[in-house]
Amino acid sequence: STRSLRYKWNALLMKAGIANRKGLHVGRHTFATQMLRKGADLRTVQALLGHRDISVTARYLQPAELESTRNLVAALP
């Protein structure tokens, strides 16, 4: 369940010594950002995140490298 997942996420953060507990969305965002930084194709990240529209994925990944993300989106057909 969502509640169970949140509990486990918070427990992992506490075990890691991260005092400022963040929600699950931070983990999702970090995953997506790292995928882009490591050279993953934007469409692949879109599929992994389950976004229907590539522009949603592009906004989500802006912190990775804003200019790089814009260039990737601009190159899409």
Protein backbone atom coordinates (compact mmCIF):
# COMPACT_ATOMS: atom_id res chain seq x y z
CA SER A 1 0.00 0.00 0.00
CA THR A 2 1.02 3.63 -0.35
CA ARG A 3 1.09 4.06 3.41
CA SER A 4 3.42 1.08 3.82
CA LEU A 5 5.73 2.37 1.10
CA ARG A 6 5.90 5.81 2.74
CA TYR A 7 6.68 4.22 6.10
CA LYS A 8 9.49 2.15 4.62
CA TRP A 9 10.87 5.14 2.71
CA ASN A 10 10.97 7.25 5.88
CA ALA A 11 12.57 4.39 7.81
CA LEU A 12 15.33 4.14 5.16
CA LEU A 13 15.97 7.88 5.34
CA MET A 14 16.19 7.76 9.12
CA LYS A 15 18.53 4.75 8.97
CA ALA A 16 20.72 6.66 6.50
CA GLY A 17 20.89 9.52 8.97
CA ILE A 18 19.01 11.98 6.82
CA ALA A 19 17.33 14.23 9.35
CA ASN A 20 15.29 16.24 6.89
CA ARG A 21 12.83 13.56 5.79
CA LYS A 22 11.53 13.94 2.29
CA GLY A 23 8.57 12.36 0.59
CA LEU A 24 8.62 9.63 -2.02
CA HIS A 25 8.45 12.19 -4.79
CA VAL A 26 12.03 13.19 -4.00
CA GLY A 27 13.18 9.62 -4.63
CA ARG A 28 11.32 9.54 -7.92
CA HIS A 29 12.77 12.89 -8.91
CA THR A 30 16.29 11.83 -7.95
CA PHE A 31 15.95 8.62 -9.96
CA ALA A 32 14.81 10.52 -13.05
CA THR A 33 17.49 13.20 -12.70
CA GLN A 34 20.27 10.64 -12.33
CA MET A 35 19.00 8.69 -15.34
CA LEU A 36 19.20 11.83 -17.48
CA ARG A 37 22.63 12.80 -16.16
CA LYS A 38 23.95 9.33 -16.95
CA GLY A 39 22.81 9.73 -20.56
CA ALA A 40 19.48 7.93 -20.57
CA ASP A 41 17.20 8.78 -23.47
CA LEU A 42 14.40 11.16 -22.50
CA ARG A 43 11.80 8.80 -23.99
CA THR A 44 13.14 5.94 -21.88
CA VAL A 45 12.84 8.03 -18.73
CA GLN A 46 9.33 9.03 -19.83
CA ALA A 47 8.35 5.37 -20.11
CA LEU A 48 9.90 4.48 -16.75
CA LEU A 49 8.04 7.31 -15.01
CA GLY A 50 4.79 6.51 -16.79
CA HIS A 51 4.28 9.98 -18.23
CA ARG A 52 1.96 10.16 -21.22
CA ASP A 53 3.34 13.50 -22.41
CA ILE A 54 7.07 14.04 -22.95
CA SER A 55 6.75 17.67 -21.86
CA VAL A 56 5.82 16.48 -18.36
CA THR A 57 9.02 14.45 -18.24
CA ALA A 58 11.04 17.40 -19.51
CA ARG A 59 9.73 19.65 -16.74
CA TYR A 60 10.37 16.96 -14.18
CA LEU A 61 14.00 16.67 -15.19
CA GLN A 62 14.91 20.35 -15.47
CA PRO A 63 17.24 20.28 -12.46
CA ALA A 64 19.48 17.74 -14.19
CA GLU A 65 20.78 20.16 -16.78
CA LEU A 66 18.23 22.68 -17.92
CA GLU A 67 19.92 23.51 -21.23
CA SER A 68 20.62 19.87 -22.02
CA THR A 69 17.00 18.93 -21.28
CA ARG A 70 15.69 21.71 -23.52
CA ASN A 71 17.97 20.55 -26.33
CA LEU A 72 16.72 16.98 -25.98
CA VAL A 73 13.09 18.07 -26.10
CA ALA A 74 13.73 20.42 -29.03
CA ALA A 75 15.22 17.52 -30.99
CA LEU A 76 12.06 15.41 -30.64
CA PRO A 77 9.88 15.02 -33.74
